[in-house]
Amino acid sequence: MTASNPPLPEVLQQSPVRVIAGAGTLAQLGGLARAEGATHVLLVTDVGIRKAGHVSRAEASLAEARVAVTVFDGVAENPMTEHVAAGLELAQREHIDFIVGLGGGSAMDCAKGINLLLANGGEIKDYWGENRAKRPMLPMIAMPTTAGTGSEGQSFALISDPATHQKMACGDRRDPRAGGLRPRVAILDEELTATQPPSVAAAAGIDALAHVVETAGTTRRSDVSLAFSCAAWRLIRGALERALRSPSDAAARRDMLVGAHLAGCAIEYSMLGAAHACANPLTARFGIIHGRAVGVMLPHVIRFNCAGGRYHYAALDMPAGELADYCAAMLSAAGLAPRLRDHGVAEADLPELAAEAAKQWTATFNPRSVGAAELADIYRHAW
């Protein structure tokens, strides 16, 4: 971390992921990988990140540290089992001993999926759920290029099944130094977010906001998760609109990147709620980018959860109605359409979407109990 950067929030000491933050910290990748025992890295990324020049910078840092690198840039948005299989085949052929995920949540999730199968064999569906892996994973470093998912702070990989349209959450909560799926190191370099298209930054920022709000309200929230949620809220509330309106504001991008990481850490301890349960079928069925899907649903889920006078997001210190309005305003500031009908969803689709949302794992952690009927009502308000 450079001297010009503010200190990181103390709550990060409660996460087993070591955080290296600040402009230009990508240059430390090689030394960090070497210190963790790497001799041959699989760098998991996508073609857009390669075109932005970040892959070549990562390769140079690894080469300087005398660490061999093989690049897999076949990641696509919302990675599927086929993307993991392609990366796995390359990793096996090249006999790699270390994983680096460079990109948005899709690249980091795909890297985790490859790591999971490389160490344990089988198929992704075998690990759907928690702690089903028997063997330790390879050490991993994650470098997000968007301030959104916070995947670099989590022990879960989200991989989609193209046949069933299900997003399979595969988690291993062991400490990363005991072979768990979380990265050992997260490099938060705001220079990496400077090249993201505005539409990507907008969707990612709304996703991070949704993580803050939902983690603050779930039935699994705890003192630890709320500490992460509140620290993330302070950064994201102060930086999101600035980052959306002024992409050149490096300080805002830095705060968003750290805030998104903190929110990702909160997910590790609290899980998520109905907004994410509703968003997943929208992405699977209609291809709506996740950040947009969850952003459209979030204000309506907040209002549903707080109906009857109960306020489940009190830790965020904003009245329920004001919080819902704030999230809607941020969706507008991000230039995202606020209604499901604007995203190609027909009213006739809502019952099927609600049935699928009710099957989502995150629905079980929503602060107010939801089934298909309640979720259909939330969808109708969003439509």
Protein backbone atom coordinates (compact mmCIF):
# COMPACT_ATOMS: atom_id res chain seq x y z
CA MET A 1 0.00 0.00 0.00
CA THR A 2 1.42 3.36 -0.99
CA ALA A 3 1.86 6.12 1.56
CA SER A 4 -0.87 8.22 -0.07
CA ASN A 5 -3.52 5.60 0.60
CA PRO A 6 -5.55 5.63 3.81
CA PRO A 7 -5.17 2.69 6.18
CA LEU A 8 -7.36 -0.33 5.61
CA PRO A 9 -10.29 -0.92 7.99
CA GLU A 10 -9.26 -2.87 11.09
CA VAL A 11 -12.08 -5.38 10.55
CA LEU A 12 -10.01 -6.97 7.77
CA GLN A 13 -7.90 -8.53 10.50
CA GLN A 14 -10.82 -10.92 11.05
CA SER A 15 -10.49 -12.33 7.52
CA PRO A 16 -7.89 -14.99 6.67
CA VAL A 17 -7.34 -13.34 3.28
CA ARG A 18 -4.28 -11.10 3.24
CA VAL A 19 -5.10 -7.79 1.52
CA ILE A 20 -2.55 -5.79 -0.47
CA ALA A 21 -4.16 -2.51 -1.53
CA GLY A 22 -3.11 0.58 -3.43
CA ALA A 23 -2.34 1.93 -6.87
CA GLY A 24 0.26 -0.13 -8.71
CA THR A 25 0.17 -3.12 -6.36
CA LEU A 26 -0.28 -5.49 -9.32
CA ALA A 27 3.50 -5.21 -9.64
CA GLN A 28 3.83 -7.17 -6.39
CA LEU A 29 2.12 -10.25 -7.85
CA GLY A 30 5.30 -12.12 -8.73
CA GLY A 31 6.95 -11.64 -5.38
CA LEU A 32 3.79 -12.57 -3.50
CA ALA A 33 3.27 -15.70 -5.59
CA ARG A 34 6.90 -16.74 -5.13
CA ALA A 35 6.62 -16.20 -1.38
CA GLU A 36 3.58 -18.50 -1.33
CA GLY A 37 5.56 -21.24 -3.05
CA ALA A 38 4.50 -20.79 -6.67
CA THR A 39 6.70 -22.14 -9.46
CA HIS A 40 4.11 -22.42 -12.27
CA VAL A 41 0.96 -20.27 -12.20
CA LEU A 42 -2.30 -20.73 -14.09
CA LEU A 43 -3.52 -17.16 -14.70
CA VAL A 44 -7.30 -17.26 -15.19
CA THR A 45 -8.77 -14.25 -16.98
CA ASP A 46 -10.73 -13.18 -20.06
CA VAL A 47 -9.89 -11.65 -23.42
CA GLY A 48 -11.10 -8.19 -22.38
CA ILE A 49 -8.64 -8.10 -19.49
CA ARG A 50 -5.88 -9.25 -21.83
CA LYS A 51 -6.74 -6.46 -24.31
CA ALA A 52 -6.63 -3.91 -21.46
CA GLY A 53 -2.98 -4.84 -20.90
CA HIS A 54 -3.37 -6.21 -17.39
CA VAL A 55 -2.37 -9.76 -18.33
CA SER A 56 0.94 -8.67 -19.81
CA ARG A 57 1.70 -6.66 -16.66
CA ALA A 58 0.92 -9.68 -14.51
CA GLU A 59 3.10 -11.91 -16.70
CA ALA A 60 5.97 -9.44 -16.40
CA SER A 61 5.73 -9.39 -12.62
CA LEU A 62 5.71 -13.19 -12.47
CA ALA A 63 8.64 -13.44 -14.88
CA GLU A 64 10.66 -11.01 -12.80
CA ALA A 65 10.10 -13.30 -9.80
CA ARG A 66 11.10 -16.32 -11.92
CA VAL A 67 7.64 -17.87 -11.76
CA ALA A 68 6.39 -19.62 -14.92
CA VAL A 69 2.89 -18.69 -16.09
CA THR A 70 0.26 -20.27 -18.34
CA VAL A 71 -2.67 -18.03 -19.27
CA PHE A 72 -6.24 -19.27 -19.61
CA ASP A 73 -8.36 -16.44 -21.02
CA GLY A 74 -11.44 -18.49 -21.89
CA VAL A 75 -13.64 -17.13 -19.10
CA ALA A 76 -17.05 -15.75 -20.03
CA GLU A 77 -19.57 -13.79 -17.99
CA ASN A 78 -21.43 -16.04 -15.56
CA PRO A 79 -18.94 -18.91 -16.01
CA MET A 80 -20.38 -22.30 -16.87
CA THR A 81 -19.16 -25.81 -16.29
CA GLU A 82 -17.69 -25.86 -19.80
CA HIS A 83 -15.42 -22.91 -19.03
CA VAL A 84 -14.16 -24.61 -15.89
CA ALA A 85 -13.57 -27.82 -17.87
CA ALA A 86 -11.51 -25.98 -20.49
CA GLY A 87 -9.34 -24.31 -17.86
CA LEU A 88 -8.96 -27.57 -15.98
CA GLU A 89 -7.69 -29.38 -19.07
CA LEU A 90 -5.03 -26.71 -19.57
CA ALA A 91 -4.02 -26.76 -15.89
CA GLN A 92 -3.62 -30.53 -15.92
CA ARG A 93 -1.59 -30.48 -19.12
CA GLU A 94 0.77 -27.78 -17.86
CA HIS A 95 1.22 -29.24 -14.33
CA ILE A 96 0.60 -25.93 -12.59
CA ASP A 97 0.97 -25.55 -8.82
CA PHE A 98 -0.65 -22.16 -8.18
CA ILE A 99 -3.78 -20.27 -9.30
CA VAL A 100 -4.19 -16.56 -10.02
CA GLY A 101 -7.61 -15.07 -10.80
CA LEU A 102 -7.46 -11.74 -12.65
CA GLY A 103 -10.72 -10.07 -13.64
CA GLY A 104 -14.24 -9.62 -12.39
CA GLY A 105 -16.21 -12.10 -10.33
CA SER A 106 -16.53 -14.43 -13.32
CA ALA A 107 -12.76 -14.86 -13.67
CA MET A 108 -12.27 -15.37 -9.94
CA ASP A 109 -15.16 -17.85 -9.70
CA CYS A 110 -13.87 -19.77 -12.70
CA ALA A 111 -10.39 -19.86 -11.14
CA LYS A 112 -11.89 -21.32 -7.96
CA GLY A 113 -13.86 -23.88 -9.95
CA ILE A 114 -10.73 -24.99 -11.78
CA ASN A 115 -8.88 -25.20 -8.48
CA LEU A 116 -11.65 -27.28 -6.93
CA LEU A 117 -11.65 -29.90 -9.70
CA LEU A 118 -7.89 -29.90 -10.17
CA ALA A 119 -7.43 -30.87 -6.53
CA ASN A 120 -10.47 -33.12 -6.05
CA GLY A 121 -11.60 -34.44 -9.45
CA GLY A 122 -15.19 -35.10 -10.45
CA GLU A 123 -17.65 -32.46 -11.68
CA ILE A 124 -18.75 -29.11 -10.32
CA LYS A 125 -22.14 -30.49 -9.32
CA ASP A 126 -20.36 -32.85 -6.92
CA TYR A 127 -19.38 -29.83 -4.82
CA TRP A 128 -22.65 -27.90 -4.93
CA GLY A 129 -23.10 -26.81 -1.32
CA GLU A 130 -20.56 -26.47 1.45
CA ASN A 131 -17.40 -28.33 2.42
CA ARG A 132 -17.71 -31.31 0.08
CA ALA A 133 -14.10 -31.26 -1.07
CA LYS A 134 -11.82 -33.81 0.56
CA ARG A 135 -8.40 -32.67 -0.65
CA PRO A 136 -6.77 -29.26 -0.14
CA MET A 137 -6.89 -26.74 -2.98
CA LEU A 138 -3.84 -25.08 -4.47
CA PRO A 139 -2.91 -21.65 -3.10
CA MET A 140 -4.49 -18.75 -4.97
CA ILE A 141 -4.12 -15.00 -5.41
CA ALA A 142 -7.08 -12.93 -6.65
CA MET A 143 -6.93 -9.54 -8.34
CA PRO A 144 -10.34 -7.95 -9.03
CA THR A 145 -10.65 -5.57 -11.96
CA THR A 146 -14.17 -4.50 -10.97
CA ALA A 147 -15.54 -3.26 -7.65
CA GLY A 148 -18.47 -5.63 -7.40
CA THR A 149 -18.63 -9.25 -6.34
CA GLY A 150 -15.98 -9.31 -3.61
CA SER A 151 -15.27 -12.89 -4.72
CA GLU A 152 -11.64 -12.41 -3.70
CA GLY A 153 -12.78 -12.47 -0.06
CA GLN A 154 -15.06 -15.49 -0.27
CA SER A 155 -14.80 -19.28 -0.10
CA PHE A 156 -17.52 -19.86 -2.71
CA ALA A 157 -17.47 -20.22 -6.49
CA LEU A 158 -20.66 -19.62 -8.50
CA ILE A 159 -20.70 -21.82 -11.59
CA SER A 160 -23.73 -22.18 -13.88
CA ASP A 161 -25.07 -25.41 -15.33
CA PRO A 162 -26.11 -24.70 -18.94
CA ALA A 163 -28.59 -27.57 -18.95
CA THR A 164 -30.53 -26.64 -15.80
CA HIS A 165 -29.79 -22.87 -15.71
CA GLN A 166 -28.88 -23.33 -12.04
CA LYS A 167 -26.12 -21.28 -10.46
CA MET A 168 -24.26 -23.77 -8.33
CA ALA A 169 -22.66 -22.26 -5.22
CA CYS A 170 -19.70 -24.46 -4.30
CA GLY A 171 -17.96 -23.56 -1.06
CA ASP A 172 -15.10 -24.73 1.10
CA ARG A 173 -14.77 -22.72 4.29
CA ARG A 174 -11.43 -24.09 5.46
CA ASP A 175 -8.75 -21.53 6.08
CA PRO A 176 -6.95 -20.87 2.77
CA ARG A 177 -3.68 -22.00 4.36
CA ALA A 178 -5.37 -25.29 5.22
CA GLY A 179 -6.47 -25.82 1.62
CA GLY A 180 -9.75 -23.90 1.57
CA LEU A 181 -11.18 -22.23 -1.51
CA ARG A 182 -10.63 -18.62 -0.43
CA PRO A 183 -7.59 -16.91 -1.97
CA ARG A 184 -4.61 -16.52 0.32
CA VAL A 185 -3.98 -13.00 -0.99
CA ALA A 186 -6.21 -10.35 -2.56
CA ILE A 187 -4.49 -7.56 -4.52
CA LEU A 188 -6.77 -4.49 -4.63
CA ASP A 189 -5.19 -2.20 -7.21
CA GLU A 190 -7.53 0.62 -8.24
CA GLU A 191 -5.54 1.09 -11.45
CA LEU A 192 -7.08 -2.19 -12.63
CA THR A 193 -10.59 -0.71 -12.43
CA ALA A 194 -9.70 2.34 -14.53
CA THR A 195 -10.10 0.44 -17.81
CA GLN A 196 -13.52 -1.09 -17.14
CA PRO A 197 -16.33 0.17 -19.42
CA PRO A 198 -18.84 2.47 -17.66
CA SER A 199 -21.62 -0.10 -18.05
CA VAL A 200 -19.49 -2.73 -16.30
CA ALA A 201 -18.54 -0.33 -13.50
CA ALA A 202 -22.20 0.58 -13.01
CA ALA A 203 -23.42 -3.01 -12.74
CA ALA A 204 -20.53 -3.95 -10.46
CA GLY A 205 -21.10 -0.99 -8.16
CA ILE A 206 -24.79 -1.78 -7.77
CA ASP A 207 -23.89 -5.40 -7.03
CA ALA A 208 -21.55 -4.26 -4.25
CA LEU A 209 -24.30 -2.04 -2.82
CA ALA A 210 -26.70 -4.99 -2.86
CA HIS A 211 -24.16 -7.10 -0.98
CA VAL A 212 -23.91 -4.47 1.75
CA VAL A 213 -27.67 -4.18 2.18
CA GLU A 214 -28.48 -7.88 2.04
CA THR A 215 -25.67 -8.98 4.35
CA ALA A 216 -26.86 -6.43 6.92
CA GLY A 217 -30.32 -8.02 7.03
CA THR A 218 -30.04 -11.80 6.63
CA THR A 219 -31.06 -14.27 9.30
CA ARG A 220 -27.42 -15.41 9.49
CA ARG A 221 -26.00 -11.97 10.20
CA SER A 222 -23.69 -11.79 13.19
CA ASP A 223 -21.51 -9.27 14.96
CA VAL A 224 -18.64 -10.24 12.64
CA SER A 225 -20.65 -9.96 9.42
CA LEU A 226 -22.20 -6.66 10.53
CA ALA A 227 -18.74 -5.24 11.21
CA PHE A 228 -17.81 -6.01 7.60
CA SER A 229 -21.17 -4.76 6.27
CA CYS A 230 -20.97 -1.46 8.12
CA ALA A 231 -17.36 -0.83 7.11
CA ALA A 232 -18.33 -1.53 3.50
CA TRP A 233 -21.39 0.73 3.79
CA ARG A 234 -19.32 3.68 4.95
CA LEU A 235 -17.00 3.39 1.94
CA ILE A 236 -19.58 2.54 -0.72
CA ARG A 237 -22.13 5.13 0.40
CA GLY A 238 -19.45 7.79 0.18
CA ALA A 239 -17.93 6.65 -3.11
CA LEU A 240 -20.54 4.98 -5.35
CA GLU A 241 -22.17 8.04 -6.87
CA ARG A 242 -18.77 9.76 -7.24
CA ALA A 243 -17.34 6.73 -9.01
CA LEU A 244 -20.36 6.51 -11.32
CA ARG A 245 -20.33 10.18 -12.26
CA SER A 246 -16.53 10.65 -12.39
CA PRO A 247 -14.75 7.46 -13.53
CA SER A 248 -11.42 9.30 -13.34
CA ASP A 249 -11.81 9.78 -9.57
CA ALA A 250 -9.13 7.35 -8.37
CA ALA A 251 -9.98 7.85 -4.70
CA ALA A 252 -13.61 6.89 -5.34
CA ARG A 253 -12.53 3.83 -7.30
CA ARG A 254 -10.18 2.82 -4.49
CA ASP A 255 -12.92 3.17 -1.87
CA MET A 256 -15.30 1.16 -4.05
CA LEU A 257 -12.74 -1.60 -4.52
CA VAL A 258 -12.04 -1.89 -0.78
CA GLY A 259 -15.75 -1.52 0.02
CA ALA A 260 -16.69 -4.29 -2.40
CA HIS A 261 -14.06 -6.53 -0.81
CA LEU A 262 -15.45 -5.84 2.67
CA ALA A 263 -18.96 -6.62 1.46
CA GLY A 264 -17.65 -9.86 -0.03
CA CYS A 265 -16.16 -10.75 3.35
CA ALA A 266 -19.55 -10.04 4.94
CA ILE A 267 -21.18 -12.56 2.59
CA GLU A 268 -18.79 -15.19 3.91
CA TYR A 269 -20.35 -14.86 7.36
CA SER A 270 -23.95 -13.83 6.64
CA MET A 271 -24.94 -15.07 3.16
CA LEU A 272 -27.47 -13.08 1.08
CA GLY A 273 -31.23 -12.70 0.69
CA ALA A 274 -34.22 -12.47 -1.62
CA ALA A 275 -32.81 -9.84 -3.99
CA HIS A 276 -30.12 -12.29 -5.05
CA ALA A 277 -32.60 -15.16 -5.11
CA CYS A 278 -34.71 -13.12 -7.55
CA ALA A 279 -31.72 -11.97 -9.60
CA ASN A 280 -30.31 -15.41 -10.41
CA PRO A 281 -33.29 -16.60 -12.53
CA LEU A 282 -33.32 -13.26 -14.34
CA THR A 283 -29.72 -13.81 -15.36
CA ALA A 284 -30.22 -17.48 -16.23
CA ARG A 285 -33.43 -17.01 -18.23
CA PHE A 286 -32.98 -13.59 -19.79
CA GLY A 287 -29.25 -12.99 -19.72
CA ILE A 288 -29.68 -9.85 -17.59
CA ILE A 289 -26.30 -8.90 -16.14
CA HIS A 290 -26.27 -9.85 -12.48
CA GLY A 291 -25.63 -6.35 -11.12
CA ARG A 292 -28.54 -4.98 -13.12
CA ALA A 293 -30.84 -7.82 -12.10
CA VAL A 294 -30.13 -7.53 -8.39
CA GLY A 295 -30.28 -3.73 -8.55
CA VAL A 296 -33.78 -3.75 -10.04
CA MET A 297 -34.99 -6.13 -7.34
CA LEU A 298 -33.25 -4.57 -4.32
CA PRO A 299 -35.57 -1.62 -3.48
CA HIS A 300 -38.64 -3.87 -3.73
CA VAL A 301 -37.09 -6.54 -1.51
CA ILE A 302 -36.17 -3.90 1.09
CA ARG A 303 -39.76 -2.62 1.15
CA PHE A 304 -41.15 -6.16 1.37
CA ASN A 305 -38.82 -7.08 4.21
CA CYS A 306 -39.66 -3.97 6.19
CA ALA A 307 -43.44 -4.16 5.77
CA GLY A 308 -45.24 -4.29 9.09
CA GLY A 309 -42.80 -1.98 10.82
CA ARG A 310 -39.88 -4.37 11.30
CA TYR A 311 -36.57 -2.93 10.15
CA HIS A 312 -33.96 -5.54 9.37
CA TYR A 313 -31.21 -3.18 8.17
CA ALA A 314 -30.90 -1.06 11.31
CA ALA A 315 -27.11 -1.49 11.41
CA LEU A 316 -26.86 0.72 8.31
CA ASP A 317 -28.40 3.63 10.24
CA MET A 318 -30.81 4.72 7.50
CA PRO A 319 -34.62 4.50 7.77
CA ALA A 320 -36.15 1.68 5.74
CA GLY A 321 -38.00 3.83 3.24
CA GLU A 322 -34.98 6.08 2.80
CA LEU A 323 -32.74 3.05 2.23
CA ALA A 324 -35.03 1.69 -0.49
CA ASP A 325 -35.21 5.12 -2.13
CA TYR A 326 -31.43 5.49 -1.92
CA CYS A 327 -30.90 2.15 -3.69
CA ALA A 328 -33.38 3.17 -6.39
CA ALA A 329 -31.57 6.49 -6.80
CA MET A 330 -28.22 4.73 -7.20
CA LEU A 331 -29.77 2.49 -9.87
CA SER A 332 -30.79 5.66 -11.70
CA ALA A 333 -27.35 7.23 -11.22
CA ALA A 334 -25.87 4.08 -12.76
CA GLY A 335 -28.06 4.60 -15.82
CA LEU A 336 -29.84 1.27 -15.32
CA ALA A 337 -33.49 0.79 -16.22
CA PRO A 338 -35.58 0.46 -13.04
CA ARG A 339 -38.33 -1.93 -14.19
CA LEU A 340 -38.24 -5.58 -15.23
CA ARG A 341 -40.34 -4.81 -18.29
CA ASP A 342 -37.51 -2.57 -19.48
CA HIS A 343 -35.22 -5.62 -19.50
CA GLY A 344 -37.38 -7.78 -21.75
CA VAL A 345 -39.29 -9.63 -19.03
CA ALA A 346 -42.97 -10.26 -19.79
CA GLU A 347 -45.61 -10.28 -17.07
CA ALA A 348 -46.44 -13.87 -18.02
CA ASP A 349 -42.88 -14.87 -17.07
CA LEU A 350 -43.25 -13.83 -13.44
CA PRO A 351 -44.79 -17.02 -11.97
CA GLU A 352 -42.04 -19.21 -13.42
CA LEU A 353 -39.37 -16.79 -12.24
CA ALA A 354 -40.88 -16.82 -8.75
CA ALA A 355 -40.91 -20.62 -8.67
CA GLU A 356 -37.21 -20.69 -9.60
CA ALA A 357 -36.32 -17.92 -7.15
CA ALA A 358 -37.96 -19.88 -4.34
CA LYS A 359 -35.47 -22.70 -4.98
CA GLN A 360 -32.45 -20.45 -4.60
CA TRP A 361 -30.31 -21.04 -1.53
CA THR A 362 -30.12 -17.35 -0.69
CA ALA A 363 -33.91 -17.17 -0.34
CA THR A 364 -33.61 -19.24 2.84
CA PHE A 365 -31.59 -16.49 4.55
CA ASN A 366 -33.98 -13.64 3.78
CA PRO A 367 -35.05 -11.83 6.98
CA ARG A 368 -38.73 -12.24 6.09
CA SER A 369 -39.82 -15.71 5.02
CA VAL A 370 -40.42 -16.02 1.28
CA GLY A 371 -41.95 -18.65 -0.97
CA ALA A 372 -43.07 -18.58 -4.58
CA ALA A 373 -46.18 -16.50 -3.76
CA GLU A 374 -44.25 -13.79 -1.91
CA LEU A 375 -41.53 -13.70 -4.55
CA ALA A 376 -44.11 -13.40 -7.33
CA ASP A 377 -45.51 -10.36 -5.54
CA ILE A 378 -42.02 -8.82 -5.30
CA TYR A 379 -41.45 -9.50 -9.00
CA ARG A 380 -44.81 -7.83 -9.85
CA HIS A 381 -43.77 -4.69 -7.99
CA ALA A 382 -40.46 -4.68 -9.86
CA TRP A 383 -42.14 -5.32 -13.21
